[in-house]
Amino acid sequence: MGYLDFFSVGLSEAYKKVKIFFPNFPTSCLPGNTIKMKALFCSSTMHRYFIINKPSNMVSQFVSPEAVPLLGELDFDFPEGTHAIGRLDKDSEGLLLLTTDKKVTRLLFLASKPHLRTYLVMVQNKVSVETLEQLKNGIPIKVEKGEMYIAKPTAIEIISNPLQYYPFADDHREAYPHTWLLITLTEGKFRQVRKMVMAAKHPCRRLIRLSISNMHLDDLKPGEVKEFDKETFYRFLEINLSES
């Protein structure tokens, strides 16, 4: 992301342009102090906040040493410095947060209050009542360094109509025995949902993140981008603005 060329358009004209797009730009920053105005224009007032519906077969990165589909291939002109907050693996879909504000990751994932994350998950074969109870009560999965961890969801249920939760849930694999699960977690171990259902002997066939806190995909189509102002973005994610 660049900034207005104050030298070519002149300070007075640049200030007018800034006020058009940023009405709350500080009036104390008047023409006459080029360095101060330029610094303010490029500072926190310029942070931007997005959500995307990440398609499957795309990594949650803008740069990769591997030949893989990247976020920059979406039909949207992201500003320089945009990065993902948390990740979805290449084969997973759904809600992904993006911003130029580096503080958000710390404020969201290191907050004292854990944030709920809800996933729509298609697994192979029919999940029995007994297996569902096993998942509800916590199931051992391997985490870092091969250590075992009891992964316990905040909520889990079998659902019969995935389209009620995600309008793009149609899947040709529904012709084969399967189950759709709605899983809510407050933790995010690496590939945790996939490991949980695999440990229950039901390999994951599709994983879609629907929400984080009060931020929801709603009807955002795969590959689409939606931008928020800072106040709304923080409010939906239950981040205290005073901490930023």
Protein backbone atom coordinates (compact mmCIF):
# COMPACT_ATOMS: atom_id res chain seq x y z
CA MET A 1 0.00 0.00 0.00
CA GLY A 2 1.39 3.37 -0.93
CA TYR A 3 0.49 6.93 -0.04
CA LEU A 4 -0.30 10.17 -1.78
CA ASP A 5 2.66 11.85 -3.42
CA PHE A 6 2.61 15.07 -1.42
CA PHE A 7 5.37 16.61 -3.48
CA SER A 8 3.69 16.21 -6.89
CA VAL A 9 0.16 17.28 -5.90
CA GLY A 10 1.10 19.83 -3.25
CA LEU A 11 0.33 19.66 0.44
CA SER A 12 -2.98 21.52 0.30
CA GLU A 13 -4.35 19.33 -2.47
CA ALA A 14 -3.08 16.17 -0.76
CA TYR A 15 -4.76 17.16 2.48
CA LYS A 16 -8.08 17.66 0.66
CA LYS A 17 -7.81 14.21 -0.89
CA VAL A 18 -7.04 12.63 2.47
CA LYS A 19 -10.10 14.26 4.05
CA ILE A 20 -12.37 12.88 1.32
CA PHE A 21 -11.48 9.27 2.13
CA PHE A 22 -10.63 9.74 5.80
CA PRO A 23 -12.94 12.37 7.32
CA ASN A 24 -11.50 11.80 10.79
CA PHE A 25 -7.95 12.55 9.69
CA PRO A 26 -6.55 14.86 12.43
CA THR A 27 -7.07 18.54 11.68
CA SER A 28 -3.87 19.29 13.57
CA CYS A 29 -2.03 17.78 10.66
CA LEU A 30 -2.21 20.84 8.43
CA PRO A 31 -0.15 21.53 5.29
CA GLY A 32 3.22 22.86 6.22
CA ASN A 33 4.67 19.84 7.94
CA THR A 34 5.33 17.30 5.19
CA ILE A 35 6.93 14.66 7.40
CA LYS A 36 4.20 14.77 10.04
CA MET A 37 1.40 14.57 7.50
CA LYS A 38 3.01 11.76 5.54
CA ALA A 39 3.63 9.72 8.70
CA LEU A 40 0.06 10.15 9.92
CA PHE A 41 -1.39 9.23 6.57
CA CYS A 42 0.60 5.98 6.52
CA SER A 43 -0.01 5.05 10.16
CA SER A 44 -2.77 3.18 12.00
CA THR A 45 -5.50 5.23 10.33
CA MET A 46 -4.70 3.21 7.23
CA HIS A 47 -5.01 -0.31 8.66
CA ARG A 48 -7.54 -2.40 6.79
CA TYR A 49 -9.56 -5.42 7.83
CA PHE A 50 -11.04 -8.20 5.71
CA ILE A 51 -12.65 -11.60 5.80
CA ILE A 52 -12.57 -14.03 2.92
CA ASN A 53 -14.24 -17.32 2.16
CA LYS A 54 -11.07 -19.25 1.41
CA PRO A 55 -11.61 -21.84 -1.30
CA SER A 56 -10.25 -25.35 -0.99
CA ASN A 57 -6.88 -26.01 -2.63
CA MET A 58 -5.46 -22.62 -1.65
CA VAL A 59 -2.89 -21.88 1.06
CA SER A 60 -3.47 -19.09 3.60
CA GLN A 61 -0.45 -17.15 2.35
CA PHE A 62 0.50 -14.53 -0.21
CA VAL A 63 4.00 -15.96 -0.74
CA SER A 64 5.19 -19.56 -0.78
CA PRO A 65 8.30 -21.36 -2.03
CA GLU A 66 5.97 -24.08 -3.31
CA ALA A 67 3.95 -23.91 -6.54
CA VAL A 68 0.55 -23.63 -4.85
CA PRO A 69 -2.48 -21.34 -5.27
CA LEU A 70 -2.04 -18.21 -3.13
CA LEU A 71 -4.35 -15.61 -1.58
CA GLY A 72 -3.02 -13.02 -4.02
CA GLU A 73 -4.76 -14.92 -6.83
CA LEU A 74 -8.18 -13.90 -5.48
CA ASP A 75 -9.95 -11.20 -7.46
CA PHE A 76 -9.17 -8.42 -4.99
CA ASP A 77 -6.47 -5.78 -4.70
CA PHE A 78 -5.16 -6.35 -1.16
CA PRO A 79 -2.95 -3.59 0.24
CA GLU A 80 0.72 -4.21 0.90
CA GLY A 81 1.31 -5.77 4.30
CA THR A 82 -1.92 -7.81 4.37
CA HIS A 83 -1.53 -11.09 6.20
CA ALA A 84 -3.74 -13.91 7.47
CA ILE A 85 -4.71 -14.11 11.15
CA GLY A 86 -4.52 -17.78 11.94
CA ARG A 87 -4.61 -20.22 9.09
CA LEU A 88 -6.71 -22.78 7.33
CA ASP A 89 -4.77 -25.61 5.74
CA LYS A 90 -4.69 -25.93 1.98
CA ASP A 91 -7.62 -28.34 1.75
CA SER A 92 -9.86 -26.51 4.25
CA GLU A 93 -12.35 -23.80 3.36
CA GLY A 94 -14.23 -20.96 4.90
CA LEU A 95 -13.68 -17.98 7.12
CA LEU A 96 -10.19 -16.50 7.07
CA LEU A 97 -9.31 -13.17 8.66
CA LEU A 98 -6.93 -10.81 6.88
CA THR A 99 -5.54 -7.45 7.97
CA THR A 100 -2.60 -5.08 7.79
CA ASP A 101 -2.87 -4.64 11.59
CA LYS A 102 -0.20 -6.81 13.19
CA LYS A 103 -1.71 -6.47 16.67
CA VAL A 104 -4.84 -8.44 15.86
CA THR A 105 -3.22 -11.89 16.08
CA ARG A 106 -2.00 -11.22 19.61
CA LEU A 107 -5.27 -9.61 20.71
CA LEU A 108 -7.37 -12.46 19.30
CA PHE A 109 -5.42 -15.61 20.07
CA LEU A 110 -3.67 -14.56 23.27
CA ALA A 111 -6.74 -12.99 24.86
CA SER A 112 -7.79 -14.07 28.36
CA LYS A 113 -11.22 -15.02 27.01
CA PRO A 114 -11.02 -17.87 24.47
CA HIS A 115 -12.73 -17.26 21.14
CA LEU A 116 -15.22 -19.78 19.76
CA ARG A 117 -14.56 -21.22 16.31
CA THR A 118 -17.22 -23.25 14.56
CA TYR A 119 -16.62 -25.73 11.74
CA LEU A 120 -18.88 -27.65 9.40
CA VAL A 121 -17.24 -31.02 8.81
CA MET A 122 -18.08 -33.82 6.41
CA VAL A 123 -16.64 -37.17 7.49
CA GLN A 124 -16.58 -40.61 5.92
CA ASN A 125 -19.26 -43.12 6.95
CA LYS A 126 -22.04 -42.83 9.49
CA VAL A 127 -21.07 -41.54 12.94
CA SER A 128 -22.73 -43.59 15.66
CA VAL A 129 -24.17 -42.20 18.89
CA GLU A 130 -21.34 -43.91 20.77
CA THR A 131 -18.67 -42.28 18.60
CA LEU A 132 -20.34 -38.89 18.95
CA GLU A 133 -20.19 -39.29 22.73
CA GLN A 134 -16.54 -40.23 22.48
CA LEU A 135 -15.83 -37.02 20.58
CA LYS A 136 -17.90 -34.97 23.02
CA ASN A 137 -16.02 -36.31 26.03
CA GLY A 138 -12.60 -35.70 24.50
CA ILE A 139 -10.45 -37.82 22.22
CA PRO A 140 -6.64 -38.27 22.28
CA ILE A 141 -4.73 -36.76 19.35
CA LYS A 142 -1.01 -36.32 18.68
CA VAL A 143 0.30 -32.77 18.89
CA GLU A 144 3.81 -31.28 18.88
CA LYS A 145 6.70 -33.69 19.41
CA GLY A 146 4.31 -36.63 19.27
CA GLU A 147 2.77 -35.85 22.64
CA MET A 148 -0.83 -36.98 23.23
CA TYR A 149 -3.46 -34.35 23.93
CA ILE A 150 -7.12 -34.81 24.87
CA ALA A 151 -9.04 -32.70 22.37
CA LYS A 152 -12.49 -31.82 23.66
CA PRO A 153 -14.88 -29.65 21.66
CA THR A 154 -17.05 -26.99 23.26
CA ALA A 155 -19.94 -28.43 21.25
CA ILE A 156 -20.47 -31.10 18.61
CA GLU A 157 -23.59 -32.38 16.90
CA ILE A 158 -24.69 -34.35 13.86
CA ILE A 159 -26.64 -32.28 11.37
CA SER A 160 -28.89 -33.49 8.58
CA ASN A 161 -29.00 -30.34 6.42
CA PRO A 162 -25.59 -28.72 5.94
CA LEU A 163 -27.08 -26.19 3.50
CA GLN A 164 -28.83 -24.62 6.46
CA TYR A 165 -25.40 -23.63 7.79
CA TYR A 166 -23.48 -23.13 4.57
CA PRO A 167 -25.24 -22.54 1.23
CA PHE A 168 -22.30 -23.98 -0.73
CA ALA A 169 -22.16 -27.32 1.09
CA ASP A 170 -23.34 -29.39 -1.89
CA ASP A 171 -20.84 -32.19 -2.42
CA HIS A 172 -20.83 -35.06 -4.91
CA ARG A 173 -19.35 -37.31 -2.21
CA GLU A 174 -22.68 -37.24 -0.39
CA ALA A 175 -23.57 -40.13 -2.70
CA TYR A 176 -21.42 -42.27 -0.42
CA PRO A 177 -21.91 -42.99 3.32
CA HIS A 178 -21.03 -39.85 5.25
CA THR A 179 -21.96 -37.65 8.20
CA TRP A 180 -22.01 -33.87 8.58
CA LEU A 181 -20.84 -32.58 11.96
CA LEU A 182 -21.00 -29.12 13.48
CA ILE A 183 -17.99 -28.69 15.78
CA THR A 184 -17.16 -25.70 17.99
CA LEU A 185 -13.74 -25.29 19.62
CA THR A 186 -11.95 -22.70 21.71
CA GLU A 187 -8.51 -24.08 20.91
CA GLY A 188 -6.62 -24.44 17.68
CA LYS A 189 -4.03 -27.19 17.71
CA PHE A 190 -2.48 -27.92 14.32
CA ARG A 191 -5.07 -29.71 12.13
CA GLN A 192 -7.05 -30.41 15.31
CA VAL A 193 -10.47 -31.07 13.78
CA ARG A 194 -9.04 -33.43 11.18
CA LYS A 195 -7.06 -35.30 13.83
CA MET A 196 -10.11 -35.59 16.10
CA VAL A 197 -12.36 -37.18 13.50
CA MET A 198 -9.53 -39.39 12.24
CA ALA A 199 -8.94 -40.61 15.79
CA ALA A 200 -12.62 -41.56 15.84
CA LYS A 201 -12.03 -43.55 12.62
CA HIS A 202 -14.00 -41.14 10.44
CA PRO A 203 -11.59 -39.46 7.98
CA CYS A 204 -12.41 -35.85 7.16
CA ARG A 205 -13.70 -35.33 3.65
CA ARG A 206 -14.47 -31.62 3.91
CA LEU A 207 -13.82 -28.92 6.51
CA ILE A 208 -15.37 -25.45 6.43
CA ARG A 209 -14.82 -22.80 9.10
CA LEU A 210 -18.10 -20.95 9.55
CA SER A 211 -17.31 -18.45 12.27
CA ILE A 212 -14.88 -17.01 14.79
CA SER A 213 -16.64 -15.41 17.77
CA ASN A 214 -19.41 -13.29 16.21
CA MET A 215 -17.73 -13.02 12.81
CA HIS A 216 -19.64 -15.26 10.39
CA LEU A 217 -19.29 -16.18 6.74
CA ASP A 218 -23.02 -15.78 6.17
CA ASP A 219 -23.58 -15.89 2.39
CA LEU A 220 -20.05 -14.90 1.33
CA LYS A 221 -19.22 -17.02 -1.70
CA PRO A 222 -15.98 -19.03 -2.03
CA GLY A 223 -13.23 -16.66 -3.11
CA GLU A 224 -15.14 -13.51 -2.15
CA VAL A 225 -13.75 -10.78 0.10
CA LYS A 226 -15.57 -8.49 2.52
CA GLU A 227 -13.99 -5.45 4.15
CA PHE A 228 -14.82 -4.03 7.60
CA ASP A 229 -13.92 -0.90 9.46
CA LYS A 230 -11.75 -1.44 12.54
CA GLU A 231 -14.52 -0.90 15.09
CA THR A 232 -16.86 -3.47 13.48
CA PHE A 233 -14.06 -5.98 12.91
CA TYR A 234 -12.96 -5.78 16.54
CA ARG A 235 -16.53 -5.91 17.85
CA PHE A 236 -17.42 -9.05 15.89
CA LEU A 237 -14.23 -10.73 17.12
CA GLU A 238 -14.88 -9.56 20.69
CA ILE A 239 -11.58 -7.70 20.85
CA ASN A 240 -11.44 -4.77 23.26
CA LEU A 241 -10.63 -1.63 21.27
CA SER A 242 -8.98 -0.09 24.33
CA GLU A 243 -6.35 -2.83 24.20
CA SER A 244 -5.33 -1.86 20.69
